[in-house]
N, C-alpha and C. Protein backbone atom coordinates (compact mmCIF):
# COMPACT_ATOMS: atom_id res chain seq x y z
N UNK A 1 3.36 16.74 4.31
CA UNK A 1 4.10 17.90 4.80
C UNK A 1 4.63 18.68 3.60
N UNK A 2 4.85 19.97 3.77
CA UNK A 2 5.35 20.78 2.65
C UNK A 2 6.64 20.25 2.02
N UNK A 3 7.51 19.62 2.77
CA UNK A 3 8.75 19.09 2.22
C UNK A 3 8.51 17.91 1.27
N UNK A 4 7.30 17.34 1.30
CA UNK A 4 6.96 16.20 0.46
C UNK A 4 6.23 16.61 -0.81
N UNK A 5 6.28 17.90 -1.17
CA UNK A 5 5.53 18.38 -2.33
C UNK A 5 6.44 18.88 -3.44
N UNK A 6 5.84 18.97 -4.63
CA UNK A 6 6.53 19.58 -5.75
C UNK A 6 6.19 21.08 -5.79
N UNK A 7 6.68 21.78 -6.78
CA UNK A 7 6.47 23.23 -6.86
C UNK A 7 5.00 23.61 -7.01
N UNK A 8 4.18 22.72 -7.52
CA UNK A 8 2.76 23.01 -7.70
C UNK A 8 1.95 22.76 -6.43
N UNK A 9 2.58 22.22 -5.39
CA UNK A 9 1.87 21.97 -4.14
C UNK A 9 1.25 20.60 -4.05
N UNK A 10 1.51 19.74 -5.04
CA UNK A 10 1.02 18.37 -5.00
C UNK A 10 2.04 17.50 -4.27
N UNK A 11 1.55 16.51 -3.55
CA UNK A 11 2.44 15.57 -2.86
C UNK A 11 3.16 14.73 -3.92
N UNK A 12 4.46 14.52 -3.73
CA UNK A 12 5.26 13.71 -4.64
C UNK A 12 4.66 12.32 -4.78
N UNK A 13 4.67 11.81 -6.01
CA UNK A 13 4.19 10.45 -6.27
C UNK A 13 4.98 9.42 -5.49
N UNK A 14 6.28 9.63 -5.33
CA UNK A 14 7.11 8.69 -4.59
C UNK A 14 6.70 8.57 -3.14
N UNK A 15 6.28 9.67 -2.54
CA UNK A 15 5.79 9.63 -1.16
C UNK A 15 4.53 8.78 -1.08
N UNK A 16 3.63 9.01 -2.03
CA UNK A 16 2.38 8.24 -2.06
C UNK A 16 2.68 6.76 -2.28
N UNK A 17 3.62 6.45 -3.18
CA UNK A 17 3.98 5.06 -3.43
C UNK A 17 4.50 4.39 -2.17
N UNK A 18 5.29 5.10 -1.39
CA UNK A 18 5.83 4.49 -0.16
C UNK A 18 4.72 4.19 0.84
N UNK A 19 3.74 5.08 0.95
CA UNK A 19 2.63 4.86 1.88
C UNK A 19 1.79 3.66 1.44
N UNK A 20 1.56 3.56 0.12
CA UNK A 20 0.80 2.43 -0.43
C UNK A 20 1.55 1.12 -0.17
N UNK A 21 2.86 1.13 -0.37
CA UNK A 21 3.67 -0.07 -0.13
C UNK A 21 3.60 -0.49 1.33
N UNK A 22 3.64 0.46 2.23
CA UNK A 22 3.54 0.15 3.66
C UNK A 22 2.18 -0.48 3.96
N UNK A 23 1.11 0.12 3.44
CA UNK A 23 -0.24 -0.42 3.69
C UNK A 23 -0.38 -1.84 3.15
N UNK A 24 0.14 -2.07 1.96
CA UNK A 24 0.07 -3.41 1.37
C UNK A 24 0.86 -4.43 2.16
N UNK A 25 2.04 -4.01 2.62
CA UNK A 25 2.88 -4.95 3.37
C UNK A 25 2.26 -5.31 4.72
N UNK A 26 1.55 -4.39 5.31
CA UNK A 26 0.86 -4.68 6.58
C UNK A 26 -0.18 -5.77 6.36
N UNK A 27 -0.96 -5.65 5.29
CA UNK A 27 -1.98 -6.67 5.00
C UNK A 27 -1.34 -8.02 4.70
N UNK A 28 -0.26 -8.03 3.92
CA UNK A 28 0.43 -9.28 3.61
C UNK A 28 1.02 -9.91 4.87
N UNK A 29 1.59 -9.09 5.74
CA UNK A 29 2.17 -9.60 6.99
C UNK A 29 1.08 -10.16 7.90
N UNK A 30 -0.05 -9.49 7.97
CA UNK A 30 -1.16 -9.99 8.80
C UNK A 30 -1.57 -11.38 8.37
N UNK A 31 -1.56 -11.61 7.07
CA UNK A 31 -1.96 -12.91 6.55
C UNK A 31 -0.88 -13.96 6.82
N UNK A 32 0.36 -13.66 6.46
CA UNK A 32 1.44 -14.64 6.53
C UNK A 32 2.04 -14.79 7.93
N UNK A 33 1.91 -13.77 8.75
CA UNK A 33 2.49 -13.78 10.10
C UNK A 33 3.99 -14.02 10.07
N UNK A 34 4.64 -13.53 9.03
CA UNK A 34 6.09 -13.58 8.93
C UNK A 34 6.51 -12.34 8.13
N UNK A 35 7.79 -12.09 8.11
CA UNK A 35 8.29 -10.94 7.38
C UNK A 35 7.98 -11.09 5.89
N UNK A 36 7.61 -9.99 5.26
CA UNK A 36 7.37 -9.97 3.81
C UNK A 36 8.18 -8.85 3.19
N UNK A 37 8.55 -9.06 1.93
CA UNK A 37 9.28 -8.02 1.18
C UNK A 37 8.57 -7.78 -0.14
N UNK A 38 8.68 -6.56 -0.62
CA UNK A 38 8.08 -6.20 -1.90
C UNK A 38 8.91 -6.83 -3.02
N UNK A 39 8.23 -7.53 -3.92
CA UNK A 39 8.93 -8.18 -5.03
C UNK A 39 8.53 -7.58 -6.37
N UNK A 40 7.29 -7.09 -6.49
CA UNK A 40 6.85 -6.54 -7.78
C UNK A 40 5.67 -5.61 -7.59
N UNK A 41 5.59 -4.65 -8.49
CA UNK A 41 4.43 -3.77 -8.59
C UNK A 41 3.78 -4.07 -9.93
N UNK A 42 2.60 -4.68 -9.90
CA UNK A 42 1.91 -5.01 -11.14
C UNK A 42 1.23 -3.78 -11.74
N UNK A 43 0.74 -2.92 -10.85
CA UNK A 43 -0.03 -1.77 -11.30
C UNK A 43 0.08 -0.67 -10.25
N UNK A 44 0.21 0.55 -10.74
CA UNK A 44 0.17 1.70 -9.83
C UNK A 44 -0.40 2.87 -10.62
N UNK A 45 -1.60 3.28 -10.26
CA UNK A 45 -2.27 4.37 -10.95
C UNK A 45 -2.38 5.58 -10.04
N UNK A 46 -2.04 6.74 -10.59
CA UNK A 46 -2.25 8.01 -9.91
C UNK A 46 -3.50 8.62 -10.53
N UNK A 47 -4.60 8.62 -9.80
CA UNK A 47 -5.88 9.04 -10.35
C UNK A 47 -6.18 10.52 -10.12
N UNK A 48 -5.77 11.03 -8.98
CA UNK A 48 -5.97 12.43 -8.62
C UNK A 48 -4.81 12.85 -7.73
N UNK A 49 -4.50 14.15 -7.70
CA UNK A 49 -3.40 14.59 -6.84
C UNK A 49 -3.76 14.51 -5.36
N UNK A 50 -2.73 14.41 -4.54
CA UNK A 50 -2.85 14.50 -3.10
C UNK A 50 -2.23 15.84 -2.72
N UNK A 51 -2.93 16.63 -1.90
CA UNK A 51 -2.46 17.95 -1.50
C UNK A 51 -2.03 17.97 -0.04
N UNK A 52 -1.19 18.91 0.31
CA UNK A 52 -0.82 19.11 1.71
C UNK A 52 -2.11 19.37 2.49
N UNK A 53 -2.28 18.67 3.59
CA UNK A 53 -3.46 18.84 4.43
C UNK A 53 -4.54 17.80 4.17
N UNK A 54 -4.42 17.05 3.06
CA UNK A 54 -5.40 15.99 2.81
C UNK A 54 -5.24 14.89 3.86
N UNK A 55 -6.35 14.26 4.18
CA UNK A 55 -6.33 13.09 5.04
C UNK A 55 -6.37 11.88 4.12
N UNK A 56 -5.31 11.10 4.08
CA UNK A 56 -5.19 9.96 3.18
C UNK A 56 -5.62 8.68 3.88
N UNK A 57 -6.51 7.93 3.23
CA UNK A 57 -6.95 6.64 3.75
C UNK A 57 -6.60 5.58 2.72
N UNK A 58 -5.96 4.50 3.17
CA UNK A 58 -5.55 3.42 2.28
C UNK A 58 -6.23 2.13 2.73
N UNK A 59 -6.78 1.40 1.76
CA UNK A 59 -7.50 0.17 2.03
C UNK A 59 -6.84 -0.96 1.24
N UNK A 60 -6.44 -2.01 1.93
CA UNK A 60 -5.72 -3.11 1.30
C UNK A 60 -6.53 -4.39 1.40
N UNK A 61 -6.46 -5.19 0.31
CA UNK A 61 -7.18 -6.46 0.26
C UNK A 61 -6.31 -7.47 -0.49
N UNK A 62 -6.19 -8.65 0.07
CA UNK A 62 -5.44 -9.71 -0.59
C UNK A 62 -6.26 -10.22 -1.77
N UNK A 63 -5.61 -10.29 -2.95
CA UNK A 63 -6.30 -10.77 -4.14
C UNK A 63 -5.77 -12.11 -4.64
N UNK A 64 -4.57 -12.51 -4.18
CA UNK A 64 -4.03 -13.80 -4.59
C UNK A 64 -2.96 -14.24 -3.59
N UNK A 65 -2.98 -15.53 -3.27
CA UNK A 65 -1.94 -16.12 -2.43
C UNK A 65 -1.30 -17.26 -3.22
N UNK A 66 0.01 -17.17 -3.40
CA UNK A 66 0.76 -18.22 -4.07
C UNK A 66 1.52 -19.06 -3.06
N UNK A 67 2.52 -19.78 -3.53
CA UNK A 67 3.31 -20.64 -2.65
C UNK A 67 4.11 -19.81 -1.64
N UNK A 68 4.79 -18.76 -2.13
CA UNK A 68 5.59 -17.90 -1.26
C UNK A 68 5.18 -16.44 -1.36
N UNK A 69 4.19 -16.15 -2.20
CA UNK A 69 3.84 -14.75 -2.47
C UNK A 69 2.39 -14.42 -2.13
N UNK A 70 2.17 -13.14 -1.92
CA UNK A 70 0.84 -12.61 -1.65
C UNK A 70 0.69 -11.34 -2.48
N UNK A 71 -0.36 -11.28 -3.32
CA UNK A 71 -0.64 -10.08 -4.09
C UNK A 71 -1.74 -9.30 -3.38
N UNK A 72 -1.51 -8.01 -3.24
CA UNK A 72 -2.43 -7.14 -2.50
C UNK A 72 -2.87 -5.99 -3.39
N UNK A 73 -4.16 -5.69 -3.37
CA UNK A 73 -4.70 -4.50 -4.05
C UNK A 73 -4.87 -3.43 -2.99
N UNK A 74 -4.42 -2.22 -3.31
CA UNK A 74 -4.53 -1.10 -2.39
C UNK A 74 -5.25 0.04 -3.10
N UNK A 75 -6.28 0.58 -2.46
CA UNK A 75 -7.01 1.73 -2.97
C UNK A 75 -6.81 2.88 -2.01
N UNK A 76 -6.54 4.06 -2.55
CA UNK A 76 -6.29 5.23 -1.71
C UNK A 76 -7.28 6.34 -1.97
N UNK A 77 -7.72 6.98 -0.90
CA UNK A 77 -8.69 8.07 -0.97
C UNK A 77 -8.17 9.25 -0.16
N UNK A 78 -8.41 10.45 -0.68
CA UNK A 78 -8.01 11.67 0.03
C UNK A 78 -9.25 12.45 0.42
N UNK A 79 -9.35 12.78 1.70
CA UNK A 79 -10.40 13.66 2.19
C UNK A 79 -9.82 15.06 2.12
N UNK A 80 -10.43 15.91 1.30
CA UNK A 80 -9.84 17.21 0.99
C UNK A 80 -9.85 18.20 2.14
N UNK A 81 -10.93 18.30 2.84
CA UNK A 81 -11.01 19.25 3.94
C UNK A 81 -11.49 18.50 5.16
N UNK A 82 -10.65 18.49 6.17
CA UNK A 82 -11.04 17.74 7.36
C UNK A 82 -12.38 18.23 7.88
N UNK A 83 -13.22 17.29 8.18
CA UNK A 83 -14.55 17.63 8.66
C UNK A 83 -15.59 17.67 7.55
N UNK A 84 -15.16 17.61 6.30
CA UNK A 84 -16.12 17.59 5.19
C UNK A 84 -16.22 16.17 4.65
N UNK A 85 -17.16 15.97 3.77
CA UNK A 85 -17.35 14.66 3.16
C UNK A 85 -16.69 14.59 1.78
N UNK A 86 -15.98 15.63 1.35
CA UNK A 86 -15.37 15.64 0.02
C UNK A 86 -14.18 14.69 -0.02
N UNK A 87 -14.38 13.57 -0.71
CA UNK A 87 -13.35 12.53 -0.79
C UNK A 87 -13.12 12.18 -2.25
N UNK A 88 -11.84 11.99 -2.62
CA UNK A 88 -11.48 11.64 -3.99
C UNK A 88 -10.60 10.40 -3.98
N UNK A 89 -10.89 9.48 -4.90
CA UNK A 89 -10.00 8.33 -5.06
C UNK A 89 -8.73 8.84 -5.73
N UNK A 90 -7.58 8.59 -5.11
CA UNK A 90 -6.33 9.15 -5.62
C UNK A 90 -5.39 8.10 -6.20
N UNK A 91 -5.55 6.85 -5.81
CA UNK A 91 -4.62 5.84 -6.32
C UNK A 91 -5.23 4.45 -6.26
N UNK A 92 -4.73 3.58 -7.15
CA UNK A 92 -5.00 2.14 -7.13
C UNK A 92 -3.67 1.46 -7.41
N UNK A 93 -3.43 0.36 -6.72
CA UNK A 93 -2.18 -0.36 -6.94
C UNK A 93 -2.38 -1.84 -6.67
N UNK A 94 -1.55 -2.65 -7.32
CA UNK A 94 -1.43 -4.07 -6.98
C UNK A 94 0.05 -4.36 -6.81
N UNK A 95 0.38 -4.88 -5.64
CA UNK A 95 1.77 -5.13 -5.29
C UNK A 95 1.89 -6.57 -4.78
N UNK A 96 2.98 -7.23 -5.18
CA UNK A 96 3.23 -8.60 -4.72
C UNK A 96 4.35 -8.59 -3.69
N UNK A 97 4.12 -9.30 -2.61
CA UNK A 97 5.08 -9.45 -1.52
C UNK A 97 5.47 -10.92 -1.42
N UNK A 98 6.68 -11.19 -1.00
CA UNK A 98 7.15 -12.55 -0.79
C UNK A 98 7.44 -12.73 0.69
N UNK A 99 6.94 -13.83 1.24
CA UNK A 99 7.22 -14.17 2.63
C UNK A 99 8.66 -14.67 2.73
N UNK A 100 9.36 -14.23 3.77
CA UNK A 100 10.74 -14.67 3.95
C UNK A 100 10.94 -15.16 5.39
N UNK A 101 11.91 -16.05 5.53
CA UNK A 101 12.23 -16.60 6.85
C UNK A 101 13.32 -15.77 7.52
N UNK A 102 13.81 -16.29 8.65
CA UNK A 102 14.83 -15.56 9.42
C UNK A 102 16.16 -15.43 8.67
N UNK A 103 16.35 -16.24 7.63
CA UNK A 103 17.57 -16.15 6.80
C UNK A 103 17.34 -15.33 5.54
N UNK A 104 16.20 -14.67 5.49
CA UNK A 104 15.82 -13.82 4.35
C UNK A 104 15.64 -14.61 3.06
N UNK A 105 15.24 -15.84 3.20
CA UNK A 105 14.96 -16.70 2.05
C UNK A 105 13.44 -16.86 1.93
N UNK A 106 12.93 -16.97 0.69
CA UNK A 106 11.49 -17.18 0.53
C UNK A 106 11.02 -18.41 1.29
N UNK A 107 9.87 -18.30 1.89
CA UNK A 107 9.30 -19.42 2.63
C UNK A 107 7.82 -19.55 2.27
N UNK A 108 7.26 -20.72 2.47
CA UNK A 108 5.86 -20.93 2.12
C UNK A 108 4.93 -20.01 2.92
N UNK A 109 3.91 -19.55 2.22
CA UNK A 109 2.87 -18.74 2.87
C UNK A 109 1.86 -19.70 3.45
N UNK A 110 1.72 -19.68 4.74
CA UNK A 110 0.73 -20.50 5.41
C UNK A 110 -0.09 -19.56 6.26
N UNK A 111 -1.39 -19.52 5.98
CA UNK A 111 -2.24 -18.64 6.77
C UNK A 111 -2.20 -19.10 8.21
N UNK A 112 -1.77 -18.21 9.08
CA UNK A 112 -1.64 -18.54 10.49
C UNK A 112 -2.97 -18.32 11.20
N UNK A 113 -3.13 -18.96 12.33
CA UNK A 113 -4.34 -18.80 13.14
C UNK A 113 -4.49 -17.34 13.53
N UNK A 114 -5.72 -16.84 13.40
CA UNK A 114 -6.01 -15.46 13.77
C UNK A 114 -5.75 -14.47 12.66
N UNK A 115 -5.33 -14.90 11.50
CA UNK A 115 -5.05 -13.99 10.39
C UNK A 115 -6.30 -13.76 9.58
């Protein structure tokens, strides 16, 4: 949306970071089947700008599972004009999430059935 842009018309990096974090947390939650929280960002690259009107697609893949943590790689692509095939890779990130219990304490990551 226009309110999410800078003076040049590019979407703020912080907005993109929040969307990437959401996508990564969904993948981590699907695996752990419990609440997860962001603990670290190992890498976050801004490869191309995102513009108002772009259709953003984010793809997340688990790259490492530890005792209480899950590291997720997220790749983002922007489709420039809806209905066209013009797509640009706009971001790459690796984010680590920690599984937490009902007391908000780290808990073991156990792949649940159906994950």
